[in-house]
Amino acid sequence: MVLINFYQGFFFVHDSMNLNTGVSIIPNRGKNMEVIPDVHMIEGITAHCYLIADSELILIDTGLPHQTQKILRYITNGLHRDPSELKTIFLTHADVDHIGNASELRSLTGAKIAAHPEDAEIITGAKERLMPKGGMSILLKLVRSVMRTKPFQVDLLVNDGDEIAGLRIIHLPGHTPGSIALYDSRRKTLFVGDALGYKRGDVQGPSEEMTMDLNKAYESIVKLTAFDFDVLLSGHGEPLQSAASVKVKEFLEKRTSPMKGS
């Protein structure tokens, strides 16, 4: 089976990842793992999905379509939990590699789907997902026509400052109008969707090719400096597992330092 994968806006074709549901504490590309106690990353479905295993299960993002069974296998075989324990599915934004299995998972588990109102309009089909102009926009339209998901309703509309299931909603417009991050203060962990990434030891900003309003996206990142988090978990790339809030501040300082010196 072949999937179209993209990281930071660039596409490449690769074989599907191994469906092994073994849980590892040590990062291992292509396998699922427990990033920190009770927070699990499911890889191999393009954008990462994160499962929080508390008394109830919480899922953050769902990957490209046709990967529902992989997520359910992780719940049953990796966590030894029942899929009916999944109660909330948060969607950090409306891109197909994040929402692709949400509707089917809801049907199979009874979980509620939560998203920001502005991206909920894209998910329901009321609005189109706009893209920056250029060749990448044309390519993305082609891919979306192949990997399209049927519009579906959102159960919970979440706004900046809301707290649901122990997670604080942070509205981060820019990549999309309704992009959100989720802050787990108890675990000092921040789930950021595509607002930020981490790869090869560096914090990375949002993709210029995929971001609707880049200036607004960076203004949103500045909001994150008000939060204290050790762990940064993004939709693409690797987990940042120590001093994450410090490294995000350093990333912003490096980006603005030329302007400060001018």
C-alpha atoms as a PDB file:
ATOM      1  CA  MET A   1       0.000   0.000   0.000  1.00  0.00           C
ATOM      2  CA  VAL A   2       1.241   3.476  -0.842  1.00  0.00           C
ATOM      3  CA  LEU A   3       0.474   6.635   1.079  1.00  0.00           C
ATOM      4  CA  ILE A   4       1.188  10.216   0.083  1.00  0.00           C
ATOM      5  CA  ASN A   5       3.030  11.730   2.996  1.00  0.00           C
ATOM      6  CA  PHE A   6       3.959  15.337   3.576  1.00  0.00           C
ATOM      7  CA  TYR A   7       6.072  17.126   6.117  1.00  0.00           C
ATOM      8  CA  GLN A   8       6.240  20.906   6.184  1.00  0.00           C
ATOM      9  CA  GLY A   9       4.410  21.083   2.875  1.00  0.00           C
ATOM     10  CA  PHE A  10       6.573  18.796   0.725  1.00  0.00           C
ATOM     11  CA  PHE A  11       5.222  15.515  -0.615  1.00  0.00           C
ATOM     12  CA  PHE A  12       6.913  12.194  -1.131  1.00  0.00           C
ATOM     13  CA  VAL A  13       5.697   8.640  -1.645  1.00  0.00           C
ATOM     14  CA  HIS A  14       6.617   5.804   0.658  1.00  0.00           C
ATOM     15  CA  ASP A  15       5.447   2.372   1.726  1.00  0.00           C
ATOM     16  CA  SER A  16       2.989   2.254   4.617  1.00  0.00           C
ATOM     17  CA  MET A  17       4.551   2.010   8.039  1.00  0.00           C
ATOM     18  CA  ASN A  18       4.569  -1.260   9.944  1.00  0.00           C
ATOM     19  CA  LEU A  19       1.267  -1.796  11.752  1.00  0.00           C
ATOM     20  CA  ASN A  20       3.117  -3.083  14.813  1.00  0.00           C
ATOM     21  CA  THR A  21       1.252  -1.878  17.886  1.00  0.00           C
ATOM     22  CA  GLY A  22       4.093  -2.459  20.342  1.00  0.00           C
ATOM     23  CA  VAL A  23       4.599   0.431  22.761  1.00  0.00           C
ATOM     24  CA  SER A  24       8.101   1.819  23.203  1.00  0.00           C
ATOM     25  CA  ILE A  25       9.341   4.534  25.518  1.00  0.00           C
ATOM     26  CA  ILE A  26      12.355   5.131  23.242  1.00  0.00           C
ATOM     27  CA  PRO A  27      11.690   7.096  20.011  1.00  0.00           C
ATOM     28  CA  ASN A  28      11.791   4.734  17.038  1.00  0.00           C
ATOM     29  CA  ARG A  29      10.709   6.069  13.679  1.00  0.00           C
ATOM     30  CA  GLY A  30       7.797   4.117  12.190  1.00  0.00           C
ATOM     31  CA  LYS A  31       6.659   2.573  15.491  1.00  0.00           C
ATOM     32  CA  ASN A  32       4.197   3.725  18.112  1.00  0.00           C
ATOM     33  CA  MET A  33       5.500   4.876  21.450  1.00  0.00           C
ATOM     34  CA  GLU A  34       4.690   6.238  24.863  1.00  0.00           C
ATOM     35  CA  VAL A  35       6.290   9.683  24.741  1.00  0.00           C
ATOM     36  CA  ILE A  36       5.761  10.376  28.434  1.00  0.00           C
ATOM     37  CA  PRO A  37       3.677   8.345  30.904  1.00  0.00           C
ATOM     38  CA  ASP A  38       0.122   7.954  29.568  1.00  0.00           C
ATOM     39  CA  VAL A  39       0.736  10.033  26.424  1.00  0.00           C
ATOM     40  CA  HIS A  40       1.173   7.918  23.296  1.00  0.00           C
ATOM     41  CA  MET A  41       2.142   8.875  19.752  1.00  0.00           C
ATOM     42  CA  ILE A  42       0.788   6.827  16.848  1.00  0.00           C
ATOM     43  CA  GLU A  43       3.061   7.169  13.815  1.00  0.00           C
ATOM     44  CA  GLY A  44       2.838   5.949  10.264  1.00  0.00           C
ATOM     45  CA  ILE A  45      -0.354   7.728   9.207  1.00  0.00           C
ATOM     46  CA  THR A  46       1.308  10.946   8.007  1.00  0.00           C
ATOM     47  CA  ALA A  47       0.351  13.456  10.695  1.00  0.00           C
ATOM     48  CA  HIS A  48       0.929  12.008  14.154  1.00  0.00           C
ATOM     49  CA  CYS A  49      -1.992  11.155  16.408  1.00  0.00           C
ATOM     50  CA  TYR A  50      -1.696  11.394  20.185  1.00  0.00           C
ATOM     51  CA  LEU A  51      -3.611   9.322  22.707  1.00  0.00           C
ATOM     52  CA  ILE A  52      -3.915  10.424  26.320  1.00  0.00           C
ATOM     53  CA  ALA A  53      -4.688   7.411  28.488  1.00  0.00           C
ATOM     54  CA  ASP A  54      -6.409   8.723  31.613  1.00  0.00           C
ATOM     55  CA  SER A  55      -9.578   7.286  33.146  1.00  0.00           C
ATOM     56  CA  GLU A  56     -11.021   8.119  29.729  1.00  0.00           C
ATOM     57  CA  LEU A  57      -9.132   8.125  26.434  1.00  0.00           C
ATOM     58  CA  ILE A  58      -8.543  11.340  24.514  1.00  0.00           C
ATOM     59  CA  LEU A  59      -7.333  11.410  20.896  1.00  0.00           C
ATOM     60  CA  ILE A  60      -5.645  14.428  19.338  1.00  0.00           C
ATOM     61  CA  ASP A  61      -5.869  14.332  15.529  1.00  0.00           C
ATOM     62  CA  THR A  62      -6.571  11.229  13.455  1.00  0.00           C
ATOM     63  CA  GLY A  63      -4.259  11.067  10.411  1.00  0.00           C
ATOM     64  CA  LEU A  64      -5.053  10.507   6.749  1.00  0.00           C
ATOM     65  CA  PRO A  65      -8.162   8.499   5.799  1.00  0.00           C
ATOM     66  CA  HIS A  66      -8.247   4.676   5.906  1.00  0.00           C
ATOM     67  CA  GLN A  67      -6.187   4.340   9.097  1.00  0.00           C
ATOM     68  CA  THR A  68      -9.026   3.916  11.589  1.00  0.00           C
ATOM     69  CA  GLN A  69      -8.176   0.293  12.297  1.00  0.00           C
ATOM     70  CA  LYS A  70      -4.569   1.160  13.129  1.00  0.00           C
ATOM     71  CA  ILE A  71      -5.751   3.588  15.806  1.00  0.00           C
ATOM     72  CA  LEU A  72      -8.228   1.059  17.194  1.00  0.00           C
ATOM     73  CA  ARG A  73      -5.548  -1.640  17.269  1.00  0.00           C
ATOM     74  CA  TYR A  74      -3.310   0.654  19.258  1.00  0.00           C
ATOM     75  CA  ILE A  75      -6.091   1.168  21.786  1.00  0.00           C
ATOM     76  CA  THR A  76      -6.874  -2.536  22.121  1.00  0.00           C
ATOM     77  CA  ASN A  77      -3.451  -4.155  21.655  1.00  0.00           C
ATOM     78  CA  GLY A  78      -1.104  -1.401  22.801  1.00  0.00           C
ATOM     79  CA  LEU A  79      -3.082   0.089  25.675  1.00  0.00           C
ATOM     80  CA  HIS A  80      -5.285  -2.922  26.466  1.00  0.00           C
ATOM     81  CA  ARG A  81      -8.284  -0.618  26.615  1.00  0.00           C
ATOM     82  CA  ASP A  82     -11.710  -0.798  25.011  1.00  0.00           C
ATOM     83  CA  PRO A  83     -12.386   1.591  22.088  1.00  0.00           C
ATOM     84  CA  SER A  84     -15.595   2.682  23.838  1.00  0.00           C
ATOM     85  CA  GLU A  85     -13.337   4.404  26.400  1.00  0.00           C
ATOM     86  CA  LEU A  86     -12.395   6.972  23.753  1.00  0.00           C
ATOM     87  CA  LYS A  87     -14.547   9.949  24.716  1.00  0.00           C
ATOM     88  CA  THR A  88     -13.116  13.006  22.945  1.00  0.00           C
ATOM     89  CA  ILE A  89     -11.379  13.528  19.600  1.00  0.00           C
ATOM     90  CA  PHE A  90      -9.704  16.934  19.318  1.00  0.00           C
ATOM     91  CA  LEU A  91      -8.843  18.180  15.826  1.00  0.00           C
ATOM     92  CA  THR A  92      -6.060  20.764  15.876  1.00  0.00           C
ATOM     93  CA  HIS A  93      -7.129  21.988  12.436  1.00  0.00           C
ATOM     94  CA  ALA A  94      -9.066  20.969   9.336  1.00  0.00           C
ATOM     95  CA  ASP A  95      -6.360  19.511   7.057  1.00  0.00           C
ATOM     96  CA  VAL A  96      -7.102  16.045   5.718  1.00  0.00           C
ATOM     97  CA  ASP A  97      -4.018  14.485   7.331  1.00  0.00           C
ATOM     98  CA  HIS A  98      -5.450  15.426  10.731  1.00  0.00           C
ATOM     99  CA  ILE A  99      -9.184  14.802  10.305  1.00  0.00           C
ATOM    100  CA  GLY A 100      -9.135  11.778   7.993  1.00  0.00           C
ATOM    101  CA  ASN A 101     -10.460   9.142  10.430  1.00  0.00           C
ATOM    102  CA  ALA A 102     -12.425  11.277  12.878  1.00  0.00           C
ATOM    103  CA  SER A 103     -15.914  10.589  11.559  1.00  0.00           C
ATOM    104  CA  GLU A 104     -15.432   6.819  11.367  1.00  0.00           C
ATOM    105  CA  LEU A 105     -13.846   6.706  14.821  1.00  0.00           C
ATOM    106  CA  ARG A 106     -16.834   8.565  16.223  1.00  0.00           C
ATOM    107  CA  SER A 107     -19.205   6.080  14.632  1.00  0.00           C
ATOM    108  CA  LEU A 108     -17.306   3.122  16.076  1.00  0.00           C
ATOM    109  CA  THR A 109     -16.583   4.483  19.563  1.00  0.00           C
ATOM    110  CA  GLY A 110     -19.220   7.098  20.339  1.00  0.00           C
ATOM    111  CA  ALA A 111     -16.535   9.744  20.980  1.00  0.00           C
ATOM    112  CA  LYS A 112     -17.319  13.447  20.557  1.00  0.00           C
ATOM    113  CA  ILE A 113     -15.377  15.463  17.960  1.00  0.00           C
ATOM    114  CA  ALA A 114     -14.075  18.880  19.059  1.00  0.00           C
ATOM    115  CA  ALA A 115     -12.681  21.685  16.874  1.00  0.00           C
ATOM    116  CA  HIS A 116     -12.508  25.463  16.711  1.00  0.00           C
ATOM    117  CA  PRO A 117     -15.566  27.071  15.050  1.00  0.00           C
ATOM    118  CA  GLU A 118     -13.557  28.566  12.176  1.00  0.00           C
ATOM    119  CA  ASP A 119     -12.106  25.222  11.116  1.00  0.00           C
ATOM    120  CA  ALA A 120     -15.368  23.435  11.908  1.00  0.00           C
ATOM    121  CA  GLU A 121     -16.805  25.327   8.936  1.00  0.00           C
ATOM    122  CA  ILE A 122     -14.141  23.733   6.720  1.00  0.00           C
ATOM    123  CA  ILE A 123     -14.733  20.277   8.215  1.00  0.00           C
ATOM    124  CA  THR A 124     -18.492  20.483   7.616  1.00  0.00           C
ATOM    125  CA  GLY A 125     -17.991  21.690   4.049  1.00  0.00           C
ATOM    126  CA  ALA A 126     -19.465  25.155   4.665  1.00  0.00           C
ATOM    127  CA  LYS A 127     -16.152  26.761   3.635  1.00  0.00           C
ATOM    128  CA  GLU A 128     -13.166  25.794   1.511  1.00  0.00           C
ATOM    129  CA  ARG A 129      -9.676  25.358   2.973  1.00  0.00           C
ATOM    130  CA  LEU A 130      -7.825  28.243   1.319  1.00  0.00           C
ATOM    131  CA  MET A 131      -4.161  27.891   0.399  1.00  0.00           C
ATOM    132  CA  PRO A 132      -1.363  30.348  -0.416  1.00  0.00           C
ATOM    133  CA  LYS A 133      -0.969  30.921  -4.144  1.00  0.00           C
ATOM    134  CA  GLY A 134       1.641  28.967  -6.064  1.00  0.00           C
ATOM    135  CA  GLY A 135       2.507  25.525  -7.387  1.00  0.00           C
ATOM    136  CA  MET A 136       2.072  23.852  -4.008  1.00  0.00           C
ATOM    137  CA  SER A 137      -1.546  25.014  -3.907  1.00  0.00           C
ATOM    138  CA  ILE A 138      -2.232  23.247  -7.209  1.00  0.00           C
ATOM    139  CA  LEU A 139      -0.548  20.071  -5.968  1.00  0.00           C
ATOM    140  CA  LEU A 140      -2.488  20.141  -2.707  1.00  0.00           C
ATOM    141  CA  LYS A 141      -5.784  20.474  -4.553  1.00  0.00           C
ATOM    142  CA  LEU A 142      -4.855  17.398  -6.587  1.00  0.00           C
ATOM    143  CA  VAL A 143      -3.956  15.404  -3.469  1.00  0.00           C
ATOM    144  CA  ARG A 144      -7.094  16.509  -1.637  1.00  0.00           C
ATOM    145  CA  SER A 145      -9.192  15.287  -4.550  1.00  0.00           C
ATOM    146  CA  VAL A 146      -7.655  11.820  -4.068  1.00  0.00           C
ATOM    147  CA  MET A 147      -7.626  11.768  -0.249  1.00  0.00           C
ATOM    148  CA  ARG A 148     -10.872  13.665   0.261  1.00  0.00           C
ATOM    149  CA  THR A 149     -13.004  13.018   3.325  1.00  0.00           C
ATOM    150  CA  LYS A 150     -16.746  13.498   3.316  1.00  0.00           C
ATOM    151  CA  PRO A 151     -17.865  16.543   5.305  1.00  0.00           C
ATOM    152  CA  PHE A 152     -18.991  15.731   8.826  1.00  0.00           C
ATOM    153  CA  GLN A 153     -20.396  17.573  11.801  1.00  0.00           C
ATOM    154  CA  VAL A 154     -18.368  18.695  14.805  1.00  0.00           C
ATOM    155  CA  ASP A 155     -19.921  17.936  18.203  1.00  0.00           C
ATOM    156  CA  LEU A 156     -18.014  20.419  20.383  1.00  0.00           C
ATOM    157  CA  LEU A 157     -16.983  23.912  19.298  1.00  0.00           C
ATOM    158  CA  VAL A 158     -13.994  25.014  21.375  1.00  0.00           C
ATOM    159  CA  ASN A 159     -12.602  28.505  21.800  1.00  0.00           C
ATOM    160  CA  ASP A 160      -9.489  30.127  23.209  1.00  0.00           C
ATOM    161  CA  GLY A 161      -9.303  29.623  26.966  1.00  0.00           C
ATOM    162  CA  ASP A 162     -11.796  26.761  27.153  1.00  0.00           C
ATOM    163  CA  GLU A 163     -10.814  23.783  29.293  1.00  0.00           C
ATOM    164  CA  ILE A 164     -12.110  20.371  28.278  1.00  0.00           C
ATOM    165  CA  ALA A 165     -10.979  16.991  29.582  1.00  0.00           C
ATOM    166  CA  GLY A 166      -8.096  18.632  31.440  1.00  0.00           C
ATOM    167  CA  LEU A 167      -6.773  20.390  28.326  1.00  0.00           C
ATOM    168  CA  ARG A 168      -6.721  24.141  27.770  1.00  0.00           C
ATOM    169  CA  ILE A 169      -7.554  25.362  24.282  1.00  0.00           C
ATOM    170  CA  ILE A 170      -5.180  27.910  22.738  1.00  0.00           C
ATOM    171  CA  HIS A 171      -6.401  29.466  19.491  1.00  0.00           C
ATOM    172  CA  LEU A 172      -3.493  29.743  17.022  1.00  0.00           C
ATOM    173  CA  PRO A 173      -4.815  31.268  13.776  1.00  0.00           C
ATOM    174  CA  GLY A 174      -2.404  31.349  10.856  1.00  0.00           C
ATOM    175  CA  HIS A 175      -1.814  27.871   9.471  1.00  0.00           C
ATOM    176  CA  THR A 176      -5.600  27.746   9.232  1.00  0.00           C
ATOM    177  CA  PRO A 177      -8.092  30.230  10.743  1.00  0.00           C
ATOM    178  CA  GLY A 178      -9.156  27.779  13.435  1.00  0.00           C
ATOM    179  CA  SER A 179      -5.888  26.061  14.319  1.00  0.00           C
ATOM    180  CA  ILE A 180      -5.582  25.255  18.013  1.00  0.00           C
ATOM    181  CA  ALA A 181      -3.040  23.952  20.485  1.00  0.00           C
ATOM    182  CA  LEU A 182      -3.938  21.930  23.576  1.00  0.00           C
ATOM    183  CA  TYR A 183      -2.101  22.547  26.839  1.00  0.00           C
ATOM    184  CA  ASP A 184      -1.896  19.832  29.480  1.00  0.00           C
ATOM    185  CA  SER A 185      -0.711  21.756  32.548  1.00  0.00           C
ATOM    186  CA  ARG A 186      -0.527  18.645  34.737  1.00  0.00           C
ATOM    187  CA  ARG A 187       1.960  16.979  32.389  1.00  0.00           C
ATOM    188  CA  LYS A 188       3.506  20.273  31.189  1.00  0.00           C
ATOM    189  CA  THR A 189       2.851  19.117  27.629  1.00  0.00           C
ATOM    190  CA  LEU A 190       1.735  21.150  24.613  1.00  0.00           C
ATOM    191  CA  PHE A 191       0.097  19.624  21.515  1.00  0.00           C
ATOM    192  CA  VAL A 192       0.529  22.136  18.677  1.00  0.00           C
ATOM    193  CA  GLY A 193      -0.715  20.503  15.475  1.00  0.00           C
ATOM    194  CA  ASP A 194       1.098  22.167  12.555  1.00  0.00           C
ATOM    195  CA  ALA A 195       1.798  25.493  14.283  1.00  0.00           C
ATOM    196  CA  LEU A 196       5.317  24.296  15.111  1.00  0.00           C
ATOM    197  CA  GLY A 197       7.512  21.276  14.482  1.00  0.00           C
ATOM    198  CA  TYR A 198      10.692  19.729  15.811  1.00  0.00           C
ATOM    199  CA  LYS A 199      13.204  17.857  13.670  1.00  0.00           C
ATOM    200  CA  ARG A 200      16.923  17.030  13.891  1.00  0.00           C
ATOM    201  CA  GLY A 201      17.274  18.982  17.125  1.00  0.00           C
ATOM    202  CA  ASP A 202      15.649  22.201  15.897  1.00  0.00           C
ATOM    203  CA  VAL A 203      12.302  23.837  16.515  1.00  0.00           C
ATOM    204  CA  GLN A 204      10.754  24.615  13.130  1.00  0.00           C
ATOM    205  CA  GLY A 205       8.137  27.193  12.203  1.00  0.00           C
ATOM    206  CA  PRO A 206       5.009  26.600  10.140  1.00  0.00           C
ATOM    207  CA  SER A 207       5.298  25.684   6.491  1.00  0.00           C
ATOM    208  CA  GLU A 208       5.152  28.668   4.144  1.00  0.00           C
ATOM    209  CA  GLU A 209       3.617  26.455   1.455  1.00  0.00           C
ATOM    210  CA  MET A 210       0.803  25.232   3.709  1.00  0.00           C
ATOM    211  CA  THR A 211       0.088  28.254   5.907  1.00  0.00           C
ATOM    212  CA  MET A 212      -2.724  30.624   4.995  1.00  0.00           C
ATOM    213  CA  ASP A 213      -1.351  33.647   6.886  1.00  0.00           C
ATOM    214  CA  LEU A 214       2.301  33.312   7.889  1.00  0.00           C
ATOM    215  CA  ASN A 215       2.508  36.593   9.821  1.00  0.00           C
ATOM    216  CA  LYS A 216      -0.528  35.673  11.868  1.00  0.00           C
ATOM    217  CA  ALA A 217       0.921  32.193  12.432  1.00  0.00           C
ATOM    218  CA  TYR A 218       4.037  33.681  14.028  1.00  0.00           C
ATOM    219  CA  GLU A 219       1.943  36.061  16.112  1.00  0.00           C
ATOM    220  CA  SER A 220       0.137  32.978  17.389  1.00  0.00           C
ATOM    221  CA  ILE A 221       3.414  31.256  18.276  1.00  0.00           C
ATOM    222  CA  VAL A 222       4.303  34.225  20.478  1.00  0.00           C
ATOM    223  CA  LYS A 223       1.174  33.441  22.533  1.00  0.00           C
ATOM    224  CA  LEU A 224       2.727  30.107  23.473  1.00  0.00           C
ATOM    225  CA  THR A 225       5.548  31.826  25.373  1.00  0.00           C
ATOM    226  CA  ALA A 226       3.062  32.533  28.188  1.00  0.00           C
ATOM    227  CA  PHE A 227       2.879  28.799  28.964  1.00  0.00           C
ATOM    228  CA  ASP A 228       5.340  26.577  30.808  1.00  0.00           C
ATOM    229  CA  PHE A 229       5.786  23.242  29.048  1.00  0.00           C
ATOM    230  CA  ASP A 230       8.551  20.658  29.002  1.00  0.00           C
ATOM    231  CA  VAL A 231       7.192  18.575  26.106  1.00  0.00           C
ATOM    232  CA  LEU A 232       6.176  19.790  22.632  1.00  0.00           C
ATOM    233  CA  LEU A 233       4.191  17.376  20.449  1.00  0.00           C
ATOM    234  CA  SER A 234       3.497  18.438  16.868  1.00  0.00           C
ATOM    235  CA  GLY A 235       1.746  16.964  13.880  1.00  0.00           C
ATOM    236  CA  HIS A 236       4.995  16.237  12.018  1.00  0.00           C
ATOM    237  CA  GLY A 237       8.562  15.565  13.030  1.00  0.00           C
ATOM    238  CA  GLU A 238       9.796  14.335  16.391  1.00  0.00           C
ATOM    239  CA  PRO A 239       8.717  14.841  20.005  1.00  0.00           C
ATOM    240  CA  LEU A 240      10.601  17.553  21.871  1.00  0.00           C
ATOM    241  CA  GLN A 241      10.840  16.045  25.325  1.00  0.00           C
ATOM    242  CA  SER A 242      12.743  18.546  27.495  1.00  0.00           C
ATOM    243  CA  ALA A 243      12.835  22.320  28.052  1.00  0.00           C
ATOM    244  CA  ALA A 244      10.386  22.783  25.187  1.00  0.00           C
ATOM    245  CA  SER A 245       9.044  26.213  26.197  1.00  0.00           C
ATOM    246  CA  VAL A 246      12.624  27.529  26.511  1.00  0.00           C
ATOM    247  CA  LYS A 247      13.498  26.204  23.061  1.00  0.00           C
ATOM    248  CA  VAL A 248      10.402  27.774  21.510  1.00  0.00           C
ATOM    249  CA  LYS A 249      11.397  31.153  22.995  1.00  0.00           C
ATOM    250  CA  GLU A 250      14.926  30.711  21.638  1.00  0.00           C
ATOM    251  CA  PHE A 251      13.483  29.886  18.213  1.00  0.00           C
ATOM    252  CA  LEU A 252      11.469  33.111  18.227  1.00  0.00           C
ATOM    253  CA  GLU A 253      14.464  35.148  19.407  1.00  0.00           C
ATOM    254  CA  LYS A 254      16.633  33.804  16.578  1.00  0.00           C
ATOM    255  CA  ARG A 255      13.950  34.637  14.067  1.00  0.00           C
ATOM    256  CA  THR A 256      13.597  38.251  15.232  1.00  0.00           C
ATOM    257  CA  SER A 257      17.244  38.986  16.128  1.00  0.00           C
ATOM    258  CA  PRO A 258      18.204  40.381  12.663  1.00  0.00           C
ATOM    259  CA  MET A 259      15.349  42.884  12.941  1.00  0.00           C
ATOM    260  CA  LYS A 260      16.432  43.859  16.461  1.00  0.00           C
ATOM    261  CA  GLY A 261      19.959  44.574  15.220  1.00  0.00           C
ATOM    262  CA  SER A 262      18.873  46.660  12.222  1.00  0.00           C
END
